[in-house]
N, C-alpha and C. Protein backbone atom coordinates (compact mmCIF):
# COMPACT_ATOMS: atom_id res chain seq x y z
N MET A 1 -17.12 43.46 81.22
CA MET A 1 -15.84 44.33 80.59
C MET A 1 -15.78 45.55 79.59
N GLU A 2 -16.96 44.98 78.73
CA GLU A 2 -16.94 46.22 77.60
C GLU A 2 -17.37 47.19 78.56
N VAL A 3 -18.83 46.95 79.08
CA VAL A 3 -19.71 47.97 79.67
C VAL A 3 -18.76 49.12 80.80
N GLU A 4 -17.59 48.20 80.92
CA GLU A 4 -16.57 49.03 82.47
C GLU A 4 -15.39 49.81 81.36
N ARG A 5 -14.88 49.04 79.91
CA ARG A 5 -14.39 50.40 79.19
C ARG A 5 -15.08 51.25 78.70
N LYS A 6 -16.36 51.45 78.16
CA LYS A 6 -16.71 52.74 77.74
C LYS A 6 -17.19 53.16 78.84
N LYS A 7 -16.68 54.17 79.67
CA LYS A 7 -16.97 55.07 80.33
C LYS A 7 -17.53 56.31 79.61
N ILE A 8 -17.04 56.71 78.85
CA ILE A 8 -17.15 58.21 77.99
C ILE A 8 -17.98 57.88 76.57
N GLU A 9 -18.78 58.64 75.93
CA GLU A 9 -19.37 58.54 74.97
C GLU A 9 -18.36 59.84 73.99
N GLN A 10 -17.76 59.75 73.26
CA GLN A 10 -17.07 61.11 72.71
C GLN A 10 -17.13 61.16 71.04
N LEU A 11 -17.40 62.14 71.12
CA LEU A 11 -17.94 63.01 69.51
C LEU A 11 -17.13 63.64 68.88
N GLY A 12 -16.31 63.40 67.71
CA GLY A 12 -15.51 63.99 66.81
C GLY A 12 -16.05 64.89 65.77
N ILE A 13 -15.94 66.14 65.44
CA ILE A 13 -16.76 66.85 64.35
C ILE A 13 -15.54 67.42 64.10
N ILE A 14 -15.52 66.49 62.37
CA ILE A 14 -14.53 66.90 61.45
C ILE A 14 -14.88 68.06 60.88
N VAL A 15 -14.27 69.56 60.78
CA VAL A 15 -14.76 70.49 60.04
C VAL A 15 -13.68 70.79 59.27
N LEU A 16 -14.28 70.45 57.47
CA LEU A 16 -13.40 70.49 56.58
C LEU A 16 -13.72 72.02 55.92
N ASP A 17 -12.24 72.81 55.62
CA ASP A 17 -12.40 73.97 54.43
C ASP A 17 -12.66 73.48 52.96
N GLY A 18 -13.92 73.68 52.68
CA GLY A 18 -14.33 73.80 51.07
C GLY A 18 -14.01 75.57 50.65
N SER A 19 -13.57 76.04 50.80
CA SER A 19 -13.18 77.37 49.83
C SER A 19 -11.87 76.88 48.59
N GLY A 20 -12.75 77.85 47.93
CA GLY A 20 -12.21 77.21 46.09
C GLY A 20 -10.42 77.10 46.17
N SER A 21 -9.58 77.55 47.23
CA SER A 21 -7.99 77.32 47.18
C SER A 21 -8.04 76.15 47.41
N MET A 22 -8.85 74.81 47.77
CA MET A 22 -8.68 73.83 48.17
C MET A 22 -8.39 73.03 46.93
N GLN A 23 -8.83 73.20 46.21
CA GLN A 23 -8.12 72.94 44.55
C GLN A 23 -6.63 73.17 44.41
N GLU A 24 -6.34 73.13 44.92
CA GLU A 24 -4.83 73.23 44.73
C GLU A 24 -3.90 72.26 45.74
N PRO A 25 -3.22 72.07 44.78
CA PRO A 25 -1.88 70.33 45.14
C PRO A 25 -1.81 70.73 46.40
N ASP A 26 -1.66 69.53 47.55
CA ASP A 26 -0.90 69.46 48.63
C ASP A 26 0.41 68.94 48.25
N SER A 27 1.24 68.24 49.48
CA SER A 27 2.80 67.67 49.18
C SER A 27 2.12 66.63 48.05
N SER A 28 1.68 65.63 47.96
CA SER A 28 1.33 64.38 47.12
C SER A 28 0.92 64.52 45.99
N GLY A 29 0.76 65.96 45.76
CA GLY A 29 0.14 66.23 44.48
C GLY A 29 -1.24 66.23 44.24
N ALA A 30 -2.14 66.15 44.97
CA ALA A 30 -3.15 65.33 44.93
C ALA A 30 -3.81 66.97 45.49
N THR A 31 -4.99 67.29 45.28
CA THR A 31 -6.08 68.37 45.31
C THR A 31 -5.91 68.30 46.92
N LYS A 32 -5.64 69.69 47.40
CA LYS A 32 -6.39 69.72 49.29
C LYS A 32 -7.38 69.18 49.75
N ALA A 33 -8.55 69.31 48.84
CA ALA A 33 -10.00 68.87 49.22
C ALA A 33 -9.67 67.42 49.15
N ALA A 34 -9.30 66.74 48.24
CA ALA A 34 -8.95 65.56 47.84
C ALA A 34 -8.45 64.49 49.27
N SER A 35 -7.39 64.93 49.59
CA SER A 35 -6.35 64.68 50.73
C SER A 35 -8.00 64.86 52.01
N ALA A 36 -8.12 66.00 52.12
CA ALA A 36 -9.02 66.20 53.02
C ALA A 36 -10.03 65.21 53.52
N ASP A 37 -10.84 64.84 52.18
CA ASP A 37 -11.50 64.01 52.07
C ASP A 37 -11.30 62.37 52.14
N ARG A 38 -10.23 62.15 52.24
CA ARG A 38 -9.63 60.79 52.40
C ARG A 38 -9.44 60.94 53.91
N ALA A 39 -8.61 62.00 54.44
CA ALA A 39 -8.59 62.06 56.12
C ALA A 39 -9.51 61.81 57.00
N ALA A 40 -10.62 62.32 56.92
CA ALA A 40 -11.89 62.05 57.09
C ALA A 40 -12.45 60.65 56.94
N GLN A 41 -12.37 60.34 55.51
CA GLN A 41 -12.34 58.56 55.68
C GLN A 41 -11.63 57.82 56.12
N ASP A 42 -10.13 57.98 56.38
CA ASP A 42 -9.24 56.89 57.19
C ASP A 42 -9.91 56.99 58.43
N LEU A 43 -9.77 58.23 58.97
CA LEU A 43 -10.22 58.65 60.66
C LEU A 43 -11.33 57.37 61.09
N ILE A 44 -12.69 57.39 60.27
CA ILE A 44 -13.36 56.34 60.70
C ILE A 44 -13.29 55.20 60.85
N ARG A 45 -12.27 54.72 59.67
CA ARG A 45 -11.92 53.32 59.78
C ARG A 45 -10.74 53.20 60.79
N ARG A 46 -9.97 53.56 60.84
CA ARG A 46 -9.34 53.93 62.27
C ARG A 46 -9.46 53.71 63.39
N LEU A 47 -10.90 54.99 63.74
CA LEU A 47 -11.57 54.46 64.81
C LEU A 47 -12.48 52.99 65.40
N GLN A 48 -12.87 52.32 63.74
CA GLN A 48 -13.61 51.37 63.98
C GLN A 48 -12.60 50.29 64.26
N GLN A 49 -11.37 50.19 64.01
CA GLN A 49 -10.65 49.37 64.44
C GLN A 49 -9.81 49.42 65.80
N SER A 50 -10.14 50.34 65.93
CA SER A 50 -9.55 50.85 67.93
C SER A 50 -10.66 49.61 68.94
N ARG A 51 -9.98 49.08 69.91
CA ARG A 51 -10.49 48.49 70.90
C ARG A 51 -11.21 49.40 71.74
N ARG A 52 -11.07 50.70 71.11
CA ARG A 52 -12.38 51.59 72.05
C ARG A 52 -13.34 52.35 71.03
N ARG A 53 -13.33 51.67 69.77
CA ARG A 53 -14.64 51.92 68.87
C ARG A 53 -15.68 52.33 69.64
N ASP A 54 -16.50 51.58 70.48
CA ASP A 54 -17.88 51.68 71.32
C ASP A 54 -17.99 52.94 71.93
N ASN A 55 -16.50 53.88 71.93
CA ASN A 55 -16.70 55.26 72.74
C ASN A 55 -16.83 56.55 71.71
N PHE A 56 -16.66 55.81 69.95
CA PHE A 56 -16.50 57.05 69.49
C PHE A 56 -17.93 57.27 68.26
N PHE A 57 -18.46 58.68 68.03
CA PHE A 57 -19.07 59.22 67.39
C PHE A 57 -18.38 60.11 66.57
N ILE A 58 -18.73 60.56 65.05
CA ILE A 58 -18.29 61.22 64.42
C ILE A 58 -19.40 61.91 63.50
N SER A 59 -18.80 63.10 63.30
CA SER A 59 -19.75 64.29 62.50
C SER A 59 -18.79 65.08 61.40
N VAL A 60 -19.35 65.20 60.52
CA VAL A 60 -18.45 66.02 59.46
C VAL A 60 -19.12 67.00 59.20
N ILE A 61 -18.25 68.00 58.64
CA ILE A 61 -18.91 69.27 58.63
C ILE A 61 -18.22 69.77 57.51
N THR A 62 -18.90 70.83 56.57
CA THR A 62 -17.67 71.34 55.16
C THR A 62 -18.51 72.35 55.02
N TYR A 63 -17.47 73.04 54.74
CA TYR A 63 -17.58 75.51 54.37
C TYR A 63 -17.01 75.31 53.67
N ASP A 64 -17.88 76.97 53.25
CA ASP A 64 -17.16 77.97 52.72
C ASP A 64 -17.42 79.36 52.87
N ASP A 65 -18.12 80.00 52.54
CA ASP A 65 -18.75 81.20 53.16
C ASP A 65 -20.03 80.43 54.12
N LYS A 66 -20.09 79.12 53.84
CA LYS A 66 -21.58 78.70 54.49
C LYS A 66 -21.18 77.20 54.95
N ALA A 67 -21.90 76.64 56.02
CA ALA A 67 -21.75 75.23 56.51
C ALA A 67 -22.66 74.43 56.19
N ILE A 68 -22.10 72.98 56.26
CA ILE A 68 -22.69 72.07 55.76
C ILE A 68 -22.71 70.73 56.77
N ILE A 69 -23.64 70.05 57.10
CA ILE A 69 -23.35 68.81 58.07
C ILE A 69 -23.93 68.10 56.77
N ARG A 70 -22.41 67.39 57.23
CA ARG A 70 -22.61 66.37 55.59
C ARG A 70 -22.72 64.72 56.45
N LEU A 71 -22.25 64.44 57.62
CA LEU A 71 -22.78 63.44 58.53
C LEU A 71 -23.24 63.67 59.80
N GLU A 72 -24.70 63.59 60.56
CA GLU A 72 -24.65 64.11 61.60
C GLU A 72 -24.07 63.23 62.77
N PRO A 73 -23.96 63.19 64.20
CA PRO A 73 -23.61 62.46 64.97
C PRO A 73 -23.58 61.21 65.09
N THR A 74 -22.57 60.31 64.73
CA THR A 74 -22.97 58.76 64.25
C THR A 74 -22.16 58.27 64.74
N PRO A 75 -22.05 56.62 65.78
CA PRO A 75 -21.72 55.92 66.33
C PRO A 75 -20.48 55.73 65.14
N VAL A 76 -19.17 55.27 65.23
CA VAL A 76 -18.64 54.87 64.04
C VAL A 76 -18.84 53.34 63.60
N THR A 77 -19.31 52.76 64.65
CA THR A 77 -19.55 51.32 64.60
C THR A 77 -21.13 51.10 63.92
N ASN A 78 -21.61 52.20 63.33
CA ASN A 78 -22.91 51.90 63.05
C ASN A 78 -22.77 52.57 61.30
N ILE A 79 -21.77 52.78 61.27
CA ILE A 79 -20.98 52.98 59.83
C ILE A 79 -20.81 52.11 58.93
N THR A 80 -21.12 51.53 58.26
CA THR A 80 -21.13 50.19 57.15
C THR A 80 -20.54 50.52 55.71
N GLN A 81 -20.75 51.94 55.20
CA GLN A 81 -20.18 52.47 54.26
C GLN A 81 -19.94 54.13 54.50
N ILE A 82 -18.75 53.73 54.06
CA ILE A 82 -18.31 55.38 54.82
C ILE A 82 -17.95 56.60 52.97
N PRO A 83 -18.87 57.48 53.52
CA PRO A 83 -18.93 58.21 52.33
C PRO A 83 -18.09 59.46 51.93
N SER A 84 -18.16 59.90 50.63
CA SER A 84 -17.16 60.79 50.31
C SER A 84 -17.41 61.93 50.80
N PHE A 85 -16.41 63.02 51.81
CA PHE A 85 -16.88 63.84 52.61
C PHE A 85 -16.33 65.41 51.36
N ASP A 86 -16.43 65.30 50.16
CA ASP A 86 -15.23 66.04 49.49
C ASP A 86 -15.66 67.94 49.67
N PRO A 87 -14.69 68.13 50.10
CA PRO A 87 -15.77 69.47 50.76
C PRO A 87 -15.69 70.61 49.30
N LEU A 88 -15.26 69.95 48.50
CA LEU A 88 -15.32 71.15 47.09
C LEU A 88 -16.83 71.00 46.91
N ASN A 89 -17.68 69.85 47.58
CA ASN A 89 -19.26 69.39 47.05
C ASN A 89 -19.79 70.25 47.72
N GLY A 90 -20.38 71.70 46.93
CA GLY A 90 -21.14 72.29 47.03
C GLY A 90 -20.58 73.68 47.41
N HIS A 91 -19.36 73.95 47.68
CA HIS A 91 -18.44 74.71 48.10
C HIS A 91 -17.78 75.77 47.04
N GLY A 92 -16.74 76.47 47.42
CA GLY A 92 -16.10 76.85 46.26
C GLY A 92 -15.31 78.27 46.63
N GLY A 93 -16.50 78.91 47.56
CA GLY A 93 -16.39 79.99 47.80
C GLY A 93 -15.32 80.37 48.78
N GLN A 94 -15.83 81.57 49.88
CA GLN A 94 -15.00 82.36 50.58
C GLN A 94 -14.64 81.67 51.68
N THR A 95 -13.78 81.50 53.27
CA THR A 95 -13.59 81.06 54.04
C THR A 95 -14.44 81.56 55.15
N ASN A 96 -15.59 81.07 55.68
CA ASN A 96 -16.52 81.53 56.94
C ASN A 96 -15.81 80.53 57.94
N ILE A 97 -14.57 80.89 58.50
CA ILE A 97 -14.36 80.21 59.65
C ILE A 97 -15.33 80.05 61.02
N GLY A 98 -15.96 81.53 61.11
CA GLY A 98 -17.07 81.45 62.50
C GLY A 98 -18.20 80.64 62.29
N GLY A 99 -18.39 80.91 60.93
CA GLY A 99 -19.78 80.17 60.75
C GLY A 99 -19.76 78.50 61.01
N ALA A 100 -18.42 78.45 60.55
CA ALA A 100 -18.36 76.87 60.33
C ALA A 100 -17.99 76.45 61.64
N LEU A 101 -17.50 77.28 63.37
CA LEU A 101 -17.68 76.77 63.96
C LEU A 101 -18.72 76.85 64.81
N GLN A 102 -19.62 78.02 64.31
CA GLN A 102 -20.48 78.24 65.21
C GLN A 102 -21.54 76.75 64.56
N LYS A 103 -21.47 76.50 63.17
CA LYS A 103 -22.35 75.28 63.26
C LYS A 103 -22.08 73.99 64.10
N ALA A 104 -20.55 74.04 63.75
CA ALA A 104 -20.12 72.84 65.01
C ALA A 104 -20.53 72.59 66.30
N TYR A 105 -20.52 73.96 66.82
CA TYR A 105 -21.04 74.43 68.38
C TYR A 105 -22.17 73.89 68.63
N GLU A 106 -23.57 74.24 67.45
CA GLU A 106 -24.87 73.73 67.24
C GLU A 106 -24.51 72.35 67.40
N VAL A 107 -24.06 71.20 67.28
CA VAL A 107 -24.23 69.75 66.56
C VAL A 107 -23.66 69.58 68.47
N ALA A 108 -22.59 70.20 68.77
CA ALA A 108 -21.90 69.78 69.88
C ALA A 108 -22.86 69.59 70.62
N LYS A 109 -23.58 70.81 70.93
CA LYS A 109 -24.78 70.93 72.00
C LYS A 109 -25.54 70.11 71.81
N GLY A 110 -26.02 69.61 70.64
CA GLY A 110 -27.23 68.45 70.53
C GLY A 110 -26.94 67.52 70.71
N PHE A 111 -25.72 66.74 70.40
CA PHE A 111 -25.28 65.70 71.32
C PHE A 111 -25.13 65.51 72.85
N LEU A 112 -24.40 66.79 73.40
CA LEU A 112 -24.32 67.17 74.86
C LEU A 112 -25.69 66.32 75.56
N ARG A 113 -26.84 67.24 74.61
CA ARG A 113 -28.12 67.53 75.41
C ARG A 113 -28.66 66.15 75.50
N ASP A 114 -28.54 65.16 74.49
CA ASP A 114 -29.26 63.72 74.07
C ASP A 114 -29.03 62.98 75.35
N GLU A 115 -30.00 62.26 75.95
CA GLU A 115 -29.73 61.39 76.63
C GLU A 115 -28.96 59.97 76.95
N SER A 116 -28.18 59.60 77.84
CA SER A 116 -27.06 58.71 77.84
C SER A 116 -26.45 58.07 78.75
N SER A 117 -26.43 57.12 79.15
CA SER A 117 -26.13 56.50 80.66
C SER A 117 -24.79 56.79 80.76
N PHE A 118 -23.96 57.73 79.73
CA PHE A 118 -22.56 57.44 79.93
C PHE A 118 -22.32 59.03 79.85
N VAL A 119 -20.73 59.38 80.50
CA VAL A 119 -20.68 60.60 80.05
C VAL A 119 -20.24 61.51 78.49
N ARG A 120 -20.20 61.90 78.44
CA ARG A 120 -20.35 62.73 76.65
C ARG A 120 -19.57 63.83 76.49
N CYS A 121 -18.74 63.77 75.78
CA CYS A 121 -17.71 64.84 75.52
C CYS A 121 -17.55 65.23 74.16
N VAL A 122 -17.01 66.32 73.39
CA VAL A 122 -16.56 66.69 72.31
C VAL A 122 -15.89 67.18 71.89
N VAL A 123 -14.84 66.75 70.78
CA VAL A 123 -13.71 67.51 70.32
C VAL A 123 -14.30 68.15 68.89
N ILE A 124 -13.82 68.93 68.45
CA ILE A 124 -14.40 70.20 67.04
C ILE A 124 -12.24 69.76 66.20
N VAL A 125 -12.42 69.54 65.38
CA VAL A 125 -11.30 69.47 64.49
C VAL A 125 -11.52 70.45 63.35
N LEU A 126 -11.28 71.32 63.03
CA LEU A 126 -10.56 72.53 62.48
C LEU A 126 -10.04 72.54 61.66
N MET A 127 -9.68 72.10 60.09
CA MET A 127 -9.11 72.52 59.45
C MET A 127 -9.44 73.36 58.24
N THR A 128 -8.12 73.89 57.94
CA THR A 128 -8.47 75.18 57.22
C THR A 128 -6.86 75.46 56.43
N ASP A 129 -7.30 75.81 54.84
CA ASP A 129 -5.69 76.06 54.19
C ASP A 129 -5.43 77.59 53.98
N GLY A 130 -6.46 78.13 54.86
CA GLY A 130 -6.24 79.84 54.67
C GLY A 130 -6.44 80.57 55.89
N GLN A 131 -7.39 81.57 56.21
CA GLN A 131 -7.88 82.55 57.10
C GLN A 131 -9.54 83.10 56.96
N HIS A 132 -9.58 83.16 57.94
CA HIS A 132 -11.21 83.86 57.88
C HIS A 132 -11.29 85.16 57.14
N ASN A 133 -12.39 84.90 56.00
CA ASN A 133 -12.23 86.61 55.36
C ASN A 133 -13.68 86.88 55.07
N THR A 134 -15.06 86.26 55.63
CA THR A 134 -15.85 86.79 55.70
C THR A 134 -17.10 85.99 56.67
N GLY A 135 -18.30 86.55 57.23
CA GLY A 135 -19.02 86.17 57.78
C GLY A 135 -19.02 86.68 59.24
N GLN A 136 -19.56 85.71 60.06
CA GLN A 136 -19.15 85.44 61.39
C GLN A 136 -18.09 85.24 61.94
N ASP A 137 -17.80 86.59 63.47
CA ASP A 137 -16.39 85.97 63.90
C ASP A 137 -16.07 85.06 64.76
N PRO A 138 -15.12 84.41 64.49
CA PRO A 138 -14.43 83.37 65.03
C PRO A 138 -14.27 83.24 66.65
N GLU A 139 -13.79 84.38 66.49
CA GLU A 139 -13.03 84.77 67.77
C GLU A 139 -14.28 84.86 68.95
N THR A 140 -15.62 85.18 68.11
CA THR A 140 -16.75 85.77 69.16
C THR A 140 -17.23 84.39 69.92
N VAL A 141 -17.19 83.36 68.34
CA VAL A 141 -17.83 82.36 68.66
C VAL A 141 -17.42 80.63 69.89
N VAL A 142 -15.50 81.23 69.38
CA VAL A 142 -14.85 80.57 70.55
C VAL A 142 -15.04 81.24 72.04
N SER A 143 -14.99 82.49 72.17
CA SER A 143 -15.23 82.73 73.02
C SER A 143 -16.43 82.11 74.14
N GLU A 144 -17.50 82.02 73.43
CA GLU A 144 -19.05 81.50 73.60
C GLU A 144 -19.04 80.25 73.93
N ILE A 145 -18.64 79.32 73.46
CA ILE A 145 -17.70 77.74 73.25
C ILE A 145 -17.08 77.76 74.71
N LYS A 146 -16.09 78.41 74.89
CA LYS A 146 -15.49 78.60 76.21
C LYS A 146 -15.95 79.02 77.57
N LYS A 147 -17.03 79.94 77.46
CA LYS A 147 -18.06 80.63 78.10
C LYS A 147 -18.83 79.38 79.47
N SER A 148 -19.22 78.63 78.06
CA SER A 148 -20.08 77.97 78.39
C SER A 148 -20.05 76.50 79.19
N GLU A 149 -19.00 76.32 79.60
CA GLU A 149 -18.03 75.30 80.47
C GLU A 149 -18.53 74.07 80.01
N LEU A 150 -18.82 73.74 78.99
CA LEU A 150 -19.71 72.63 78.21
C LEU A 150 -18.25 71.38 77.89
N PRO A 151 -18.07 70.24 78.12
CA PRO A 151 -16.73 69.33 77.33
C PRO A 151 -16.22 69.69 76.03
N ILE A 152 -16.22 70.55 75.62
CA ILE A 152 -16.23 70.54 74.47
C ILE A 152 -14.87 71.35 74.04
N LYS A 153 -13.46 70.76 73.20
CA LYS A 153 -12.58 70.78 72.95
C LYS A 153 -12.09 71.43 71.34
N ILE A 154 -11.34 72.57 71.52
CA ILE A 154 -10.96 72.26 69.77
C ILE A 154 -9.71 72.26 69.64
N ALA A 155 -9.55 71.10 68.28
CA ALA A 155 -8.25 71.23 67.80
C ALA A 155 -8.21 71.99 66.46
N THR A 156 -7.26 72.56 65.91
CA THR A 156 -7.15 73.32 64.88
C THR A 156 -5.48 73.00 63.99
N VAL A 157 -5.74 72.86 62.57
CA VAL A 157 -4.23 72.52 61.94
C VAL A 157 -4.91 73.24 60.50
N GLY A 158 -4.07 73.77 60.35
CA GLY A 158 -3.91 74.81 58.65
C GLY A 158 -3.05 73.41 57.80
N PHE A 159 -3.74 73.16 57.09
CA PHE A 159 -2.82 72.27 55.79
C PHE A 159 -2.75 73.20 54.60
N GLY A 160 -1.54 73.10 53.92
CA GLY A 160 -1.40 73.59 52.35
C GLY A 160 0.44 74.84 53.38
N THR A 161 0.03 75.23 52.23
CA THR A 161 1.31 76.56 52.15
C THR A 161 1.29 77.80 51.92
N GLY A 162 -0.50 78.06 51.79
CA GLY A 162 -1.33 79.38 51.65
C GLY A 162 -0.71 80.48 52.42
N ASP A 163 -2.27 81.27 52.67
CA ASP A 163 -1.71 82.19 53.48
C ASP A 163 -2.96 82.14 54.97
N ILE A 164 -1.69 81.20 55.48
CA ILE A 164 -2.60 80.41 56.88
C ILE A 164 -2.61 81.41 57.88
N ASP A 165 -3.61 81.99 58.73
CA ASP A 165 -3.53 82.17 60.09
C ASP A 165 -2.95 81.40 60.95
N VAL A 166 -1.56 81.51 61.26
CA VAL A 166 -1.40 80.73 62.13
C VAL A 166 -1.30 81.09 63.70
N VAL A 167 -1.39 82.17 63.82
CA VAL A 167 -1.49 82.80 64.99
C VAL A 167 -2.72 82.44 65.74
N PHE A 168 -4.02 82.47 64.97
CA PHE A 168 -5.23 82.72 65.29
C PHE A 168 -5.54 81.11 65.57
N LEU A 169 -5.30 80.28 64.61
CA LEU A 169 -5.26 78.61 64.89
C LEU A 169 -4.59 78.06 66.18
N GLU A 170 -3.41 78.95 66.39
CA GLU A 170 -2.75 78.31 67.62
C GLU A 170 -3.60 78.75 68.74
N LYS A 171 -4.17 79.98 68.84
CA LYS A 171 -4.32 80.74 69.76
C LYS A 171 -5.86 79.91 70.51
N ILE A 172 -6.93 79.81 69.48
CA ILE A 172 -8.40 79.33 69.80
C ILE A 172 -7.75 77.43 70.25
N ALA A 173 -6.55 77.10 69.87
CA ALA A 173 -6.87 75.66 69.76
C ALA A 173 -6.54 75.12 71.02
N SER A 174 -7.33 73.80 72.05
CA SER A 174 -7.02 73.60 73.43
C SER A 174 -5.97 72.94 73.80
N THR A 175 -5.23 72.61 75.11
CA THR A 175 -4.21 72.83 75.33
C THR A 175 -3.97 71.33 76.22
N THR A 176 -3.19 70.17 75.81
CA THR A 176 -3.40 69.24 76.40
C THR A 176 -3.07 69.39 78.01
N ARG A 177 -3.27 67.87 78.48
CA ARG A 177 -3.16 68.35 80.32
C ARG A 177 -1.69 68.42 80.59
N SER A 178 -0.79 68.75 81.42
CA SER A 178 0.64 69.19 81.78
C SER A 178 1.46 67.64 81.82
N ASP A 179 0.70 66.73 82.19
CA ASP A 179 1.80 65.30 82.24
C ASP A 179 1.50 64.79 80.90
N MET A 180 0.91 65.38 79.84
CA MET A 180 1.16 64.89 78.41
C MET A 180 1.83 66.02 77.52
N GLY A 181 2.30 66.92 78.45
CA GLY A 181 3.38 67.97 77.65
C GLY A 181 2.91 69.26 77.65
N GLY A 182 1.10 69.54 78.09
CA GLY A 182 0.82 71.19 77.96
C GLY A 182 0.84 71.63 76.49
N GLN A 183 1.01 70.68 75.79
CA GLN A 183 0.77 71.11 74.16
C GLN A 183 -0.35 71.87 73.37
N LYS A 184 -0.35 72.84 72.89
CA LYS A 184 -1.29 73.05 72.15
C LYS A 184 -1.93 72.33 70.91
N MET A 185 -3.70 71.62 70.81
CA MET A 185 -3.52 70.86 70.01
C MET A 185 -3.77 71.70 68.45
N PHE A 186 -2.59 71.89 67.82
CA PHE A 186 -2.57 72.55 66.74
C PHE A 186 -1.15 71.82 65.96
N LYS A 187 -1.75 71.67 64.54
CA LYS A 187 -0.64 70.94 63.28
C LYS A 187 -0.91 72.17 62.34
N LEU A 188 0.65 72.59 61.99
CA LEU A 188 0.62 73.01 60.33
C LEU A 188 1.43 72.08 59.80
N THR A 189 0.57 71.85 58.73
CA THR A 189 1.32 70.93 57.18
C THR A 189 0.86 70.81 56.25
N ASN A 190 1.39 70.33 55.50
CA ASN A 190 1.43 70.09 54.01
C ASN A 190 0.93 68.37 53.56
N ASN A 191 1.00 68.08 54.30
CA ASN A 191 1.28 66.70 53.95
C ASN A 191 -0.10 65.78 54.51
N PRO A 192 -0.52 65.17 53.49
CA PRO A 192 -1.71 64.54 53.70
C PRO A 192 -1.62 63.74 54.92
N GLU A 193 -0.25 62.73 55.16
CA GLU A 193 -0.56 61.59 55.99
C GLU A 193 -0.38 62.23 57.45
N GLU A 194 0.04 63.53 57.58
CA GLU A 194 -0.02 64.24 59.00
C GLU A 194 -1.13 64.64 59.13
N LEU A 195 -1.55 65.11 57.99
CA LEU A 195 -3.58 65.50 58.47
C LEU A 195 -3.71 64.50 59.01
N ARG A 196 -3.89 63.20 58.18
CA ARG A 196 -4.66 61.86 58.77
C ARG A 196 -4.03 61.62 60.17
N ASN A 197 -2.87 61.79 60.30
CA ASN A 197 -2.76 61.30 62.22
C ASN A 197 -2.91 62.03 62.89
N PHE A 198 -3.24 63.46 62.28
CA PHE A 198 -3.46 64.09 63.75
C PHE A 198 -5.37 64.61 63.65
N PHE A 199 -6.30 64.61 62.68
CA PHE A 199 -7.12 64.07 63.26
C PHE A 199 -6.98 62.92 64.03
N GLU A 200 -6.46 61.74 63.49
CA GLU A 200 -6.82 60.70 64.42
C GLU A 200 -6.69 61.06 66.14
N ALA A 201 -5.11 61.48 66.36
CA ALA A 201 -4.33 62.52 67.72
C ALA A 201 -5.40 62.79 68.26
N SER A 202 -5.91 63.73 67.62
CA SER A 202 -7.16 64.74 68.12
C SER A 202 -8.14 64.05 68.85
N VAL A 203 -9.01 63.24 68.07
CA VAL A 203 -9.97 62.83 68.13
C VAL A 203 -9.95 61.89 69.24
N THR A 204 -8.56 61.35 69.35
CA THR A 204 -8.62 59.64 70.46
C THR A 204 -8.06 60.33 71.90
N THR A 205 -7.31 61.40 72.09
CA THR A 205 -6.87 62.21 73.06
C THR A 205 -6.90 62.91 72.88
N SER A 206 -8.17 63.22 73.61
CA SER A 206 -9.00 64.34 73.36
C SER A 206 -9.03 65.37 74.88
N PHE A 207 -9.62 64.10 75.24
CA PHE A 207 -10.20 64.26 76.83
C PHE A 207 -8.79 63.63 77.60
N ALA A 208 -7.89 62.97 77.11
CA ALA A 208 -6.71 63.38 78.37
C ALA A 208 -6.20 64.34 78.41
N LEU A 209 -7.03 65.70 78.91
CA LEU A 209 -6.93 66.90 78.78
C LEU A 209 -7.62 67.35 80.03
N GLY A 210 -6.31 68.77 80.44
CA GLY A 210 -6.79 69.77 81.20
C GLY A 210 -8.08 70.79 81.42
């Protein structure tokens, strides 16, 4: 029964903004960086409690003008001690969304290339509290991902009340299947609980997609 249930291996790549503005508070009074860290940690805990926990892998990337892999693709069942993913650790500069997406794409391709007896797929969950202002053009990276025709989806979330490029984030987000409403995998929020819920929904429902 266990083998029957595990038909896919799904990687969620959580991409957390570490630009300087992440020091500002969200609606809870915590810094946006602290809430983003907690959301990533809580996602792992929630997946570990899921009846489908054997299906899920997680990777975490943080970025400002540079992108850093904080957790390589790892089965959630193998994570016994969940580390901090504080996006301001080693960051605090400008916002290179293109570079972050490129790094996530490289991680995704590596995961999909690895041999497995199960179908593999990836969802990249990009979080930002602002807009791209340095480095690689993000739309070029998104175009490359789509042209690859690899099983990679993109979810986007604008977190905070700052100068968030909502049009861009919604434009690059994947769309759910028509029988699930055909909705963009996009969220705008300043609420940390909504951020945590969006992370979970994006990773767990991403491949009920068209």
